[in-house]
């Protein structure tokens, strides 16, 4: 597992947490459904079927046999609307996504996108103690002479290719998701 964190987490106390109330609805009641790019959604669903959970195996088989995305979703899933305790349909829902990437310790035509180790010379400076108004803000860089300078940009890192590599993965988009999330898992070609 690869883990990263951007500064110290900021905690906010939430006093009024609602229970989830689900109500079965018709697809026509979901405004966004008719406007959504269902062909793209079906492609994403099919990608998830490369290693399906047991509960989705039948749906995955059906997904591979269809090109009509709207029919696929309306015939194989049941829409629900979420309400809070006061039966209001407005609120905040959060979630966590942990990407699963497929990789190898050896670079190849398939596994060509590197996951880099944390640089040994990385300096992390929390600004909170020196500047309370910058609470939660962090500087990251490296020492050059007697100065803290920024680390190279993503573009510079990708073009230099001179950083220590943990492994190589086969999906650049999922690697980007790992960078955004700050953590994820890699299933190596050796089944590790």
C-alpha atoms as a PDB file:
ATOM      1  CA  UNK A   1       0.000   0.000   0.000  1.00  0.00           C
ATOM      2  CA  UNK A   2       1.220   3.490  -0.830  1.00  0.00           C
ATOM      3  CA  UNK A   3       0.132   6.283   1.445  1.00  0.00           C
ATOM      4  CA  UNK A   4       0.567  10.028   1.392  1.00  0.00           C
ATOM      5  CA  UNK A   5      -0.875  12.982   3.212  1.00  0.00           C
ATOM      6  CA  UNK A   6      -1.143  16.682   2.497  1.00  0.00           C
ATOM      7  CA  UNK A   7      -0.425  18.443   5.776  1.00  0.00           C
ATOM      8  CA  UNK A   8      -2.235  17.810   9.012  1.00  0.00           C
ATOM      9  CA  UNK A   9      -5.906  16.883   8.653  1.00  0.00           C
ATOM     10  CA  UNK A  10      -8.339  19.570   9.738  1.00  0.00           C
ATOM     11  CA  UNK A  11     -11.153  18.206  11.912  1.00  0.00           C
ATOM     12  CA  UNK A  12     -14.542  19.843  12.153  1.00  0.00           C
ATOM     13  CA  UNK A  13     -17.139  18.726  14.687  1.00  0.00           C
ATOM     14  CA  UNK A  14     -20.468  17.910  13.073  1.00  0.00           C
ATOM     15  CA  UNK A  15     -23.328  17.794  15.554  1.00  0.00           C
ATOM     16  CA  UNK A  16     -26.343  16.953  13.422  1.00  0.00           C
ATOM     17  CA  UNK A  17     -25.611  13.808  11.425  1.00  0.00           C
ATOM     18  CA  UNK A  18     -28.634  12.333   9.664  1.00  0.00           C
ATOM     19  CA  UNK A  19     -29.462   8.711   9.155  1.00  0.00           C
ATOM     20  CA  UNK A  20     -29.833   7.664   5.536  1.00  0.00           C
ATOM     21  CA  UNK A  21     -33.386   7.189   4.306  1.00  0.00           C
ATOM     22  CA  UNK A  22     -33.671   5.581   0.896  1.00  0.00           C
ATOM     23  CA  UNK A  23     -36.749   5.717  -1.310  1.00  0.00           C
ATOM     24  CA  UNK A  24     -37.071   3.672  -4.479  1.00  0.00           C
ATOM     25  CA  UNK A  25     -37.790   5.972  -7.441  1.00  0.00           C
ATOM     26  CA  UNK A  26     -38.235   5.749 -11.202  1.00  0.00           C
ATOM     27  CA  UNK A  27     -35.346   6.552 -13.512  1.00  0.00           C
ATOM     28  CA  UNK A  28     -37.388   9.444 -14.931  1.00  0.00           C
ATOM     29  CA  UNK A  29     -37.306  11.105 -11.485  1.00  0.00           C
ATOM     30  CA  UNK A  30     -33.515  11.393 -11.652  1.00  0.00           C
ATOM     31  CA  UNK A  31     -32.971  14.586 -13.641  1.00  0.00           C
ATOM     32  CA  UNK A  32     -29.268  14.002 -14.244  1.00  0.00           C
ATOM     33  CA  UNK A  33     -29.750  10.458 -15.543  1.00  0.00           C
ATOM     34  CA  UNK A  34     -31.170  11.592 -18.889  1.00  0.00           C
ATOM     35  CA  UNK A  35     -28.412  14.202 -19.258  1.00  0.00           C
ATOM     36  CA  UNK A  36     -25.522  11.954 -18.240  1.00  0.00           C
ATOM     37  CA  UNK A  37     -23.075  10.383 -20.698  1.00  0.00           C
ATOM     38  CA  UNK A  38     -24.280   6.818 -20.167  1.00  0.00           C
ATOM     39  CA  UNK A  39     -21.996   5.388 -22.861  1.00  0.00           C
ATOM     40  CA  UNK A  40     -19.014   6.642 -20.875  1.00  0.00           C
ATOM     41  CA  UNK A  41     -20.561   5.335 -17.640  1.00  0.00           C
ATOM     42  CA  UNK A  42     -20.957   1.902 -19.242  1.00  0.00           C
ATOM     43  CA  UNK A  43     -17.292   1.903 -20.317  1.00  0.00           C
ATOM     44  CA  UNK A  44     -16.255   2.744 -16.747  1.00  0.00           C
ATOM     45  CA  UNK A  45     -18.541   0.003 -15.402  1.00  0.00           C
ATOM     46  CA  UNK A  46     -17.027  -2.522 -17.839  1.00  0.00           C
ATOM     47  CA  UNK A  47     -13.523  -1.522 -16.729  1.00  0.00           C
ATOM     48  CA  UNK A  48     -14.543  -2.285 -13.147  1.00  0.00           C
ATOM     49  CA  UNK A  49     -15.662  -5.708 -14.335  1.00  0.00           C
ATOM     50  CA  UNK A  50     -12.051  -6.712 -14.995  1.00  0.00           C
ATOM     51  CA  UNK A  51     -11.997  -7.856 -11.348  1.00  0.00           C
ATOM     52  CA  UNK A  52     -15.674  -7.854 -10.298  1.00  0.00           C
ATOM     53  CA  UNK A  53     -17.027  -8.374  -6.820  1.00  0.00           C
ATOM     54  CA  UNK A  54     -19.193 -11.488  -6.488  1.00  0.00           C
ATOM     55  CA  UNK A  55     -22.373  -9.407  -6.254  1.00  0.00           C
ATOM     56  CA  UNK A  56     -21.673  -7.804  -9.652  1.00  0.00           C
ATOM     57  CA  UNK A  57     -20.615 -10.862 -11.673  1.00  0.00           C
ATOM     58  CA  UNK A  58     -23.987 -11.292 -13.408  1.00  0.00           C
ATOM     59  CA  UNK A  59     -24.212  -7.557 -14.177  1.00  0.00           C
ATOM     60  CA  UNK A  60     -20.682  -7.652 -15.570  1.00  0.00           C
ATOM     61  CA  UNK A  61     -21.568 -10.525 -17.887  1.00  0.00           C
ATOM     62  CA  UNK A  62     -24.596  -8.574 -19.118  1.00  0.00           C
ATOM     63  CA  UNK A  63     -22.532  -5.394 -19.545  1.00  0.00           C
ATOM     64  CA  UNK A  64     -20.130  -7.162 -21.879  1.00  0.00           C
ATOM     65  CA  UNK A  65     -23.047  -8.299 -24.058  1.00  0.00           C
ATOM     66  CA  UNK A  66     -24.608  -4.860 -24.591  1.00  0.00           C
ATOM     67  CA  UNK A  67     -23.892  -1.624 -26.361  1.00  0.00           C
ATOM     68  CA  UNK A  68     -27.111   0.094 -25.273  1.00  0.00           C
ATOM     69  CA  UNK A  69     -25.992   1.850 -22.114  1.00  0.00           C
ATOM     70  CA  UNK A  70     -29.378   3.290 -21.121  1.00  0.00           C
ATOM     71  CA  UNK A  71     -31.110  -0.099 -21.398  1.00  0.00           C
ATOM     72  CA  UNK A  72     -28.292  -1.755 -19.478  1.00  0.00           C
ATOM     73  CA  UNK A  73     -28.587   0.574 -16.480  1.00  0.00           C
ATOM     74  CA  UNK A  74     -32.391   0.749 -16.424  1.00  0.00           C
ATOM     75  CA  UNK A  75     -32.793  -3.040 -16.727  1.00  0.00           C
ATOM     76  CA  UNK A  76     -30.108  -4.065 -14.232  1.00  0.00           C
ATOM     77  CA  UNK A  77     -30.149  -1.461 -11.472  1.00  0.00           C
ATOM     78  CA  UNK A  78     -32.751   0.129  -9.210  1.00  0.00           C
ATOM     79  CA  UNK A  79     -32.508   3.857  -8.519  1.00  0.00           C
ATOM     80  CA  UNK A  80     -32.994   5.220  -5.018  1.00  0.00           C
ATOM     81  CA  UNK A  81     -33.188   8.761  -3.743  1.00  0.00           C
ATOM     82  CA  UNK A  82     -31.455   9.619  -0.488  1.00  0.00           C
ATOM     83  CA  UNK A  83     -33.181  11.722   2.175  1.00  0.00           C
ATOM     84  CA  UNK A  84     -32.104  12.952   5.608  1.00  0.00           C
ATOM     85  CA  UNK A  85     -34.087  12.639   8.873  1.00  0.00           C
ATOM     86  CA  UNK A  86     -36.282  15.585   7.866  1.00  0.00           C
ATOM     87  CA  UNK A  87     -36.935  13.984   4.465  1.00  0.00           C
ATOM     88  CA  UNK A  88     -34.912  16.670   2.717  1.00  0.00           C
ATOM     89  CA  UNK A  89     -32.901  15.638  -0.323  1.00  0.00           C
ATOM     90  CA  UNK A  90     -30.151  18.223   0.134  1.00  0.00           C
ATOM     91  CA  UNK A  91     -26.928  17.522   1.981  1.00  0.00           C
ATOM     92  CA  UNK A  92     -23.353  16.373   1.814  1.00  0.00           C
ATOM     93  CA  UNK A  93     -22.242  12.833   1.087  1.00  0.00           C
ATOM     94  CA  UNK A  94     -18.584  11.927   1.318  1.00  0.00           C
ATOM     95  CA  UNK A  95     -16.760   8.841   0.239  1.00  0.00           C
ATOM     96  CA  UNK A  96     -13.333   7.356  -0.179  1.00  0.00           C
ATOM     97  CA  UNK A  97     -11.893   5.868  -3.324  1.00  0.00           C
ATOM     98  CA  UNK A  98      -8.866   3.601  -3.160  1.00  0.00           C
ATOM     99  CA  UNK A  99      -7.565   2.891  -6.648  1.00  0.00           C
ATOM    100  CA  UNK A 100      -6.298  -0.607  -7.434  1.00  0.00           C
ATOM    101  CA  UNK A 101      -3.517  -0.487  -9.979  1.00  0.00           C
ATOM    102  CA  UNK A 102      -1.818  -3.345 -11.787  1.00  0.00           C
ATOM    103  CA  UNK A 103       1.937  -3.235 -11.887  1.00  0.00           C
ATOM    104  CA  UNK A 104       5.353  -4.802 -12.101  1.00  0.00           C
ATOM    105  CA  UNK A 105       8.734  -4.147 -10.544  1.00  0.00           C
ATOM    106  CA  UNK A 106      10.114  -4.246 -14.103  1.00  0.00           C
ATOM    107  CA  UNK A 107       9.340  -1.643 -16.755  1.00  0.00           C
ATOM    108  CA  UNK A 108       7.791  -3.081 -19.922  1.00  0.00           C
ATOM    109  CA  UNK A 109       5.535  -2.051 -22.785  1.00  0.00           C
ATOM    110  CA  UNK A 110       2.491  -2.752 -20.585  1.00  0.00           C
ATOM    111  CA  UNK A 111       3.856  -1.477 -17.263  1.00  0.00           C
ATOM    112  CA  UNK A 112       5.425   1.822 -18.220  1.00  0.00           C
ATOM    113  CA  UNK A 113       4.159   4.415 -15.720  1.00  0.00           C
ATOM    114  CA  UNK A 114       6.439   4.718 -12.665  1.00  0.00           C
ATOM    115  CA  UNK A 115       5.402   5.139  -9.044  1.00  0.00           C
ATOM    116  CA  UNK A 116       8.252   6.962  -7.375  1.00  0.00           C
ATOM    117  CA  UNK A 117       9.593   6.562  -3.845  1.00  0.00           C
ATOM    118  CA  UNK A 118       9.436   9.541  -1.521  1.00  0.00           C
ATOM    119  CA  UNK A 119      12.662  11.435  -2.239  1.00  0.00           C
ATOM    120  CA  UNK A 120      15.297  11.080   0.495  1.00  0.00           C
ATOM    121  CA  UNK A 121      16.026  14.810   0.354  1.00  0.00           C
ATOM    122  CA  UNK A 122      12.390  15.917   0.663  1.00  0.00           C
ATOM    123  CA  UNK A 123      11.956  18.608   3.318  1.00  0.00           C
ATOM    124  CA  UNK A 124       8.474  19.234   4.761  1.00  0.00           C
ATOM    125  CA  UNK A 125       7.919  22.467   6.689  1.00  0.00           C
ATOM    126  CA  UNK A 126       4.716  23.056   8.666  1.00  0.00           C
ATOM    127  CA  UNK A 127       4.016  26.800   8.785  1.00  0.00           C
ATOM    128  CA  UNK A 128       1.574  26.620  11.713  1.00  0.00           C
ATOM    129  CA  UNK A 129       4.030  27.294  14.565  1.00  0.00           C
ATOM    130  CA  UNK A 130       5.743  30.255  12.919  1.00  0.00           C
ATOM    131  CA  UNK A 131       2.614  31.680  11.295  1.00  0.00           C
ATOM    132  CA  UNK A 132      -0.627  30.668  13.078  1.00  0.00           C
ATOM    133  CA  UNK A 133      -2.671  32.365  10.338  1.00  0.00           C
ATOM    134  CA  UNK A 134      -1.263  29.758   7.917  1.00  0.00           C
ATOM    135  CA  UNK A 135      -2.559  26.842  10.000  1.00  0.00           C
ATOM    136  CA  UNK A 136      -2.497  23.618   7.998  1.00  0.00           C
ATOM    137  CA  UNK A 137      -0.247  25.050   5.291  1.00  0.00           C
ATOM    138  CA  UNK A 138       2.884  23.104   4.423  1.00  0.00           C
ATOM    139  CA  UNK A 139       5.945  23.785   2.274  1.00  0.00           C
ATOM    140  CA  UNK A 140       7.666  20.937   0.494  1.00  0.00           C
ATOM    141  CA  UNK A 141      10.988  21.205  -1.246  1.00  0.00           C
ATOM    142  CA  UNK A 142      14.665  20.394  -1.062  1.00  0.00           C
ATOM    143  CA  UNK A 143      17.766  22.184   0.136  1.00  0.00           C
ATOM    144  CA  UNK A 144      20.007  23.743  -2.510  1.00  0.00           C
ATOM    145  CA  UNK A 145      22.974  25.458  -0.852  1.00  0.00           C
ATOM    146  CA  UNK A 146      21.307  27.338   1.980  1.00  0.00           C
ATOM    147  CA  UNK A 147      17.881  27.724   0.333  1.00  0.00           C
ATOM    148  CA  UNK A 148      14.718  25.653   0.337  1.00  0.00           C
ATOM    149  CA  UNK A 149      13.671  25.323  -3.299  1.00  0.00           C
ATOM    150  CA  UNK A 150      10.546  23.699  -4.745  1.00  0.00           C
ATOM    151  CA  UNK A 151      10.619  20.150  -5.999  1.00  0.00           C
ATOM    152  CA  UNK A 152      10.255  19.712  -9.766  1.00  0.00           C
ATOM    153  CA  UNK A 153       6.748  19.852 -11.231  1.00  0.00           C
ATOM    154  CA  UNK A 154       4.927  16.699 -12.329  1.00  0.00           C
ATOM    155  CA  UNK A 155       5.864  17.500 -15.948  1.00  0.00           C
ATOM    156  CA  UNK A 156       9.551  17.906 -15.033  1.00  0.00           C
ATOM    157  CA  UNK A 157       9.531  14.684 -12.993  1.00  0.00           C
ATOM    158  CA  UNK A 158       7.936  12.725 -15.855  1.00  0.00           C
ATOM    159  CA  UNK A 159      10.463  14.053 -18.379  1.00  0.00           C
ATOM    160  CA  UNK A 160      13.606  13.519 -16.242  1.00  0.00           C
ATOM    161  CA  UNK A 161      13.012   9.897 -15.243  1.00  0.00           C
ATOM    162  CA  UNK A 162      15.858   9.982 -12.691  1.00  0.00           C
ATOM    163  CA  UNK A 163      13.910   9.319  -9.478  1.00  0.00           C
ATOM    164  CA  UNK A 164      13.844   6.062  -7.464  1.00  0.00           C
ATOM    165  CA  UNK A 165      10.970   3.839  -8.630  1.00  0.00           C
ATOM    166  CA  UNK A 166       8.867   1.513  -6.448  1.00  0.00           C
ATOM    167  CA  UNK A 167       7.177  -0.170  -9.421  1.00  0.00           C
ATOM    168  CA  UNK A 168       5.579   0.512 -12.800  1.00  0.00           C
ATOM    169  CA  UNK A 169       1.824   0.434 -13.463  1.00  0.00           C
ATOM    170  CA  UNK A 170      -0.267   0.018 -16.602  1.00  0.00           C
ATOM    171  CA  UNK A 171      -2.843   2.793 -16.255  1.00  0.00           C
ATOM    172  CA  UNK A 172      -1.849   6.455 -16.279  1.00  0.00           C
ATOM    173  CA  UNK A 173      -5.337   7.626 -15.273  1.00  0.00           C
ATOM    174  CA  UNK A 174      -5.478   5.320 -12.238  1.00  0.00           C
ATOM    175  CA  UNK A 175      -1.971   6.479 -11.298  1.00  0.00           C
ATOM    176  CA  UNK A 176      -3.243  10.057 -11.404  1.00  0.00           C
ATOM    177  CA  UNK A 177      -6.131   8.975  -9.117  1.00  0.00           C
ATOM    178  CA  UNK A 178      -3.569   7.517  -6.719  1.00  0.00           C
ATOM    179  CA  UNK A 179      -1.749  10.866  -6.673  1.00  0.00           C
ATOM    180  CA  UNK A 180      -4.991  12.742  -5.993  1.00  0.00           C
ATOM    181  CA  UNK A 181      -6.234  10.322  -3.299  1.00  0.00           C
ATOM    182  CA  UNK A 182      -2.839  10.037  -1.658  1.00  0.00           C
ATOM    183  CA  UNK A 183      -3.116   6.267  -1.313  1.00  0.00           C
ATOM    184  CA  UNK A 184      -3.964   3.148  -3.263  1.00  0.00           C
ATOM    185  CA  UNK A 185      -2.982  -0.457  -3.870  1.00  0.00           C
ATOM    186  CA  UNK A 186      -0.902  -2.138  -6.567  1.00  0.00           C
ATOM    187  CA  UNK A 187      -1.420  -5.768  -7.580  1.00  0.00           C
ATOM    188  CA  UNK A 188       1.940  -6.857  -8.977  1.00  0.00           C
ATOM    189  CA  UNK A 189       2.292  -9.291 -11.859  1.00  0.00           C
ATOM    190  CA  UNK A 190       3.931 -11.662  -9.350  1.00  0.00           C
ATOM    191  CA  UNK A 191       0.615 -11.768  -7.389  1.00  0.00           C
ATOM    192  CA  UNK A 192       2.094  -9.704  -4.558  1.00  0.00           C
END
